Amino acid sequence: MCKAWDDHKKRGIQEGIQQGIQQGIQQGMQQGRCLEVYSLVQDGILEPEVGAKRVSMSLDDFADAMQKAGYKIPEMV
């Protein structure tokens, strides 16, 4: 009975590790996408409104997230 329990436990741990890896990959991809959009907005290639829409944020949340990540929104004329 102990071996069966140990095997079951090991399987659960492995599944948890795999789920964690997948979540980490997804979060990393999302973060990378945001950083790319921030860079495009900072460089004036995208309008801030378009950048916010691309990462599914409100303009205010987008501006805050850009600032926290070390990017600046170009001055609007």
N, C-alpha and C. Protein backbone atom coordinates (compact mmCIF):
# COMPACT_ATOMS: atom_id res chain seq x y z
N MET A 1 0.81 -1.19 0.00
CA MET A 1 0.00 0.00 0.00
C MET A 1 0.86 1.27 0.00
N CYS A 2 1.97 1.25 0.70
CA CYS A 2 2.83 2.43 0.78
C CYS A 2 3.44 2.75 -0.59
N LYS A 3 3.82 1.71 -1.35
CA LYS A 3 4.40 1.95 -2.67
C LYS A 3 3.37 2.59 -3.59
N ALA A 4 2.15 2.10 -3.53
CA ALA A 4 1.09 2.68 -4.37
C ALA A 4 0.88 4.15 -4.00
N TRP A 5 0.88 4.44 -2.70
CA TRP A 5 0.71 5.82 -2.26
C TRP A 5 1.88 6.68 -2.71
N ASP A 6 3.10 6.17 -2.58
CA ASP A 6 4.28 6.91 -3.01
C ASP A 6 4.24 7.19 -4.51
N ASP A 7 3.84 6.18 -5.30
CA ASP A 7 3.74 6.37 -6.75
C ASP A 7 2.69 7.44 -7.08
N HIS A 8 1.55 7.37 -6.40
CA HIS A 8 0.48 8.35 -6.62
C HIS A 8 0.97 9.75 -6.27
N LYS A 9 1.67 9.86 -5.16
CA LYS A 9 2.21 11.15 -4.71
C LYS A 9 3.22 11.70 -5.72
N LYS A 10 4.11 10.83 -6.21
CA LYS A 10 5.12 11.26 -7.20
C LYS A 10 4.45 11.74 -8.48
N ARG A 11 3.40 11.03 -8.91
CA ARG A 11 2.67 11.43 -10.11
C ARG A 11 2.04 12.80 -9.91
N GLY A 12 1.45 13.02 -8.74
CA GLY A 12 0.85 14.32 -8.44
C GLY A 12 1.87 15.44 -8.44
N ILE A 13 3.03 15.17 -7.88
CA ILE A 13 4.10 16.17 -7.87
C ILE A 13 4.53 16.48 -9.30
N GLN A 14 4.71 15.46 -10.12
CA GLN A 14 5.12 15.68 -11.51
C GLN A 14 4.08 16.48 -12.28
N GLU A 15 2.80 16.17 -12.07
CA GLU A 15 1.74 16.93 -12.74
C GLU A 15 1.75 18.38 -12.29
N GLY A 16 1.98 18.61 -11.00
CA GLY A 16 2.06 19.97 -10.49
C GLY A 16 3.23 20.73 -11.09
N ILE A 17 4.35 20.06 -11.23
CA ILE A 17 5.53 20.69 -11.83
C ILE A 17 5.23 21.06 -13.28
N GLN A 18 4.61 20.15 -14.02
CA GLN A 18 4.28 20.42 -15.43
C GLN A 18 3.32 21.61 -15.55
N GLN A 19 2.31 21.66 -14.68
CA GLN A 19 1.37 22.77 -14.71
C GLN A 19 2.09 24.08 -14.40
N GLY A 20 2.99 24.05 -13.44
CA GLY A 20 3.75 25.25 -13.09
C GLY A 20 4.62 25.73 -14.24
N ILE A 21 5.23 24.79 -14.93
CA ILE A 21 6.06 25.14 -16.09
C ILE A 21 5.20 25.79 -17.16
N GLN A 22 4.05 25.20 -17.45
CA GLN A 22 3.16 25.75 -18.48
C GLN A 22 2.68 27.15 -18.11
N GLN A 23 2.32 27.34 -16.85
CA GLN A 23 1.88 28.66 -16.41
C GLN A 23 3.02 29.67 -16.52
N GLY A 24 4.22 29.26 -16.17
CA GLY A 24 5.38 30.14 -16.27
C GLY A 24 5.66 30.54 -17.71
N ILE A 25 5.53 29.59 -18.61
CA ILE A 25 5.73 29.89 -20.03
C ILE A 25 4.70 30.90 -20.51
N GLN A 26 3.43 30.68 -20.16
CA GLN A 26 2.37 31.59 -20.58
C GLN A 26 2.59 33.00 -20.02
N GLN A 27 2.95 33.08 -18.74
CA GLN A 27 3.20 34.38 -18.13
C GLN A 27 4.39 35.08 -18.78
N GLY A 28 5.43 34.31 -19.07
CA GLY A 28 6.61 34.89 -19.72
C GLY A 28 6.29 35.41 -21.11
N MET A 29 5.49 34.67 -21.84
CA MET A 29 5.09 35.11 -23.18
C MET A 29 4.26 36.38 -23.10
N GLN A 30 3.33 36.45 -22.15
CA GLN A 30 2.51 37.65 -21.99
C GLN A 30 3.36 38.84 -21.60
N GLN A 31 4.29 38.63 -20.68
CA GLN A 31 5.17 39.72 -20.25
C GLN A 31 6.02 40.20 -21.43
N GLY A 32 6.55 39.27 -22.21
CA GLY A 32 7.35 39.65 -23.38
C GLY A 32 6.55 40.44 -24.39
N ARG A 33 5.29 40.03 -24.58
CA ARG A 33 4.42 40.75 -25.52
C ARG A 33 4.20 42.17 -25.01
N CYS A 34 3.93 42.32 -23.72
CA CYS A 34 3.72 43.65 -23.15
C CYS A 34 4.96 44.52 -23.33
N LEU A 35 6.12 43.98 -23.05
CA LEU A 35 7.36 44.75 -23.18
C LEU A 35 7.59 45.19 -24.62
N GLU A 36 7.26 44.33 -25.55
CA GLU A 36 7.41 44.68 -26.97
C GLU A 36 6.47 45.82 -27.34
N VAL A 37 5.23 45.74 -26.88
CA VAL A 37 4.26 46.80 -27.17
C VAL A 37 4.69 48.10 -26.48
N TYR A 38 5.17 48.03 -25.25
CA TYR A 38 5.65 49.23 -24.56
C TYR A 38 6.75 49.90 -25.37
N SER A 39 7.66 49.09 -25.88
CA SER A 39 8.77 49.62 -26.67
C SER A 39 8.27 50.30 -27.94
N LEU A 40 7.31 49.70 -28.60
CA LEU A 40 6.75 50.28 -29.83
C LEU A 40 6.05 51.60 -29.54
N VAL A 41 5.35 51.67 -28.43
CA VAL A 41 4.68 52.92 -28.05
C VAL A 41 5.72 53.98 -27.69
N GLN A 42 6.71 53.61 -26.89
CA GLN A 42 7.74 54.56 -26.49
C GLN A 42 8.46 55.13 -27.70
N ASP A 43 8.70 54.29 -28.70
CA ASP A 43 9.41 54.72 -29.91
C ASP A 43 8.51 55.48 -30.89
N GLY A 44 7.22 55.60 -30.55
CA GLY A 44 6.30 56.34 -31.41
C GLY A 44 5.78 55.55 -32.59
N ILE A 45 6.02 54.26 -32.62
CA ILE A 45 5.56 53.42 -33.73
C ILE A 45 4.08 53.10 -33.57
N LEU A 46 3.64 52.93 -32.33
CA LEU A 46 2.22 52.69 -32.03
C LEU A 46 1.70 53.82 -31.17
N GLU A 47 0.45 54.19 -31.38
CA GLU A 47 -0.22 55.13 -30.49
C GLU A 47 -0.52 54.43 -29.18
N PRO A 48 -0.48 55.14 -28.07
CA PRO A 48 -0.76 54.52 -26.77
C PRO A 48 -2.10 53.79 -26.73
N GLU A 49 -3.12 54.34 -27.36
CA GLU A 49 -4.43 53.70 -27.37
C GLU A 49 -4.38 52.35 -28.08
N VAL A 50 -3.63 52.28 -29.15
CA VAL A 50 -3.49 51.02 -29.89
C VAL A 50 -2.71 50.01 -29.05
N GLY A 51 -1.65 50.47 -28.40
CA GLY A 51 -0.87 49.59 -27.53
C GLY A 51 -1.70 49.03 -26.41
N ALA A 52 -2.49 49.88 -25.78
CA ALA A 52 -3.36 49.42 -24.69
C ALA A 52 -4.35 48.38 -25.18
N LYS A 53 -4.89 48.61 -26.34
CA LYS A 53 -5.85 47.66 -26.91
C LYS A 53 -5.18 46.32 -27.21
N ARG A 54 -3.96 46.38 -27.72
CA ARG A 54 -3.24 45.14 -28.07
C ARG A 54 -2.96 44.24 -26.87
N VAL A 55 -2.81 44.85 -25.70
CA VAL A 55 -2.55 44.04 -24.50
C VAL A 55 -3.77 43.99 -23.58
N SER A 56 -4.91 44.38 -24.11
CA SER A 56 -6.20 44.29 -23.41
C SER A 56 -6.20 45.02 -22.07
N MET A 57 -5.77 46.29 -22.10
CA MET A 57 -5.76 47.12 -20.89
C MET A 57 -6.46 48.43 -21.20
N SER A 58 -6.93 49.07 -20.15
CA SER A 58 -7.40 50.45 -20.31
C SER A 58 -6.17 51.32 -20.54
N LEU A 59 -6.38 52.50 -21.09
CA LEU A 59 -5.24 53.39 -21.36
C LEU A 59 -4.53 53.77 -20.06
N ASP A 60 -5.29 54.03 -19.00
CA ASP A 60 -4.67 54.39 -17.72
C ASP A 60 -3.84 53.23 -17.15
N ASP A 61 -4.39 52.02 -17.19
CA ASP A 61 -3.65 50.86 -16.69
C ASP A 61 -2.41 50.60 -17.54
N PHE A 62 -2.55 50.80 -18.84
CA PHE A 62 -1.43 50.61 -19.76
C PHE A 62 -0.30 51.60 -19.44
N ALA A 63 -0.68 52.87 -19.25
CA ALA A 63 0.33 53.90 -18.95
C ALA A 63 1.03 53.58 -17.62
N ASP A 64 0.26 53.15 -16.63
CA ASP A 64 0.86 52.77 -15.34
C ASP A 64 1.81 51.58 -15.49
N ALA A 65 1.38 50.58 -16.25
CA ALA A 65 2.21 49.38 -16.44
C ALA A 65 3.49 49.73 -17.20
N MET A 66 3.37 50.61 -18.20
CA MET A 66 4.57 51.04 -18.94
C MET A 66 5.55 51.72 -18.01
N GLN A 67 5.04 52.62 -17.18
CA GLN A 67 5.90 53.35 -16.26
C GLN A 67 6.58 52.41 -15.27
N LYS A 68 5.83 51.47 -14.73
CA LYS A 68 6.39 50.52 -13.78
C LYS A 68 7.47 49.66 -14.43
N ALA A 69 7.33 49.42 -15.74
CA ALA A 69 8.31 48.61 -16.46
C ALA A 69 9.51 49.44 -16.93
N GLY A 70 9.49 50.75 -16.68
CA GLY A 70 10.62 51.60 -17.04
C GLY A 70 10.50 52.27 -18.40
N TYR A 71 9.32 52.24 -18.98
CA TYR A 71 9.10 52.87 -20.29
C TYR A 71 8.35 54.19 -20.09
N LYS A 72 8.41 55.04 -21.11
CA LYS A 72 7.71 56.32 -21.06
C LYS A 72 6.80 56.45 -22.26
N ILE A 73 5.61 56.96 -22.02
CA ILE A 73 4.69 57.26 -23.12
C ILE A 73 5.12 58.60 -23.70
N PRO A 74 5.30 58.67 -25.02
CA PRO A 74 5.68 59.94 -25.63
C PRO A 74 4.61 61.00 -25.35
N GLU A 75 5.02 62.23 -25.24
CA GLU A 75 4.08 63.32 -25.01
C GLU A 75 3.10 63.40 -26.17
N MET A 76 1.84 63.51 -25.81
CA MET A 76 0.82 63.63 -26.84
C MET A 76 0.74 65.09 -27.26
N VAL A 77 0.60 65.30 -28.56
CA VAL A 77 0.53 66.66 -29.11
C VAL A 77 -0.89 67.08 -29.28
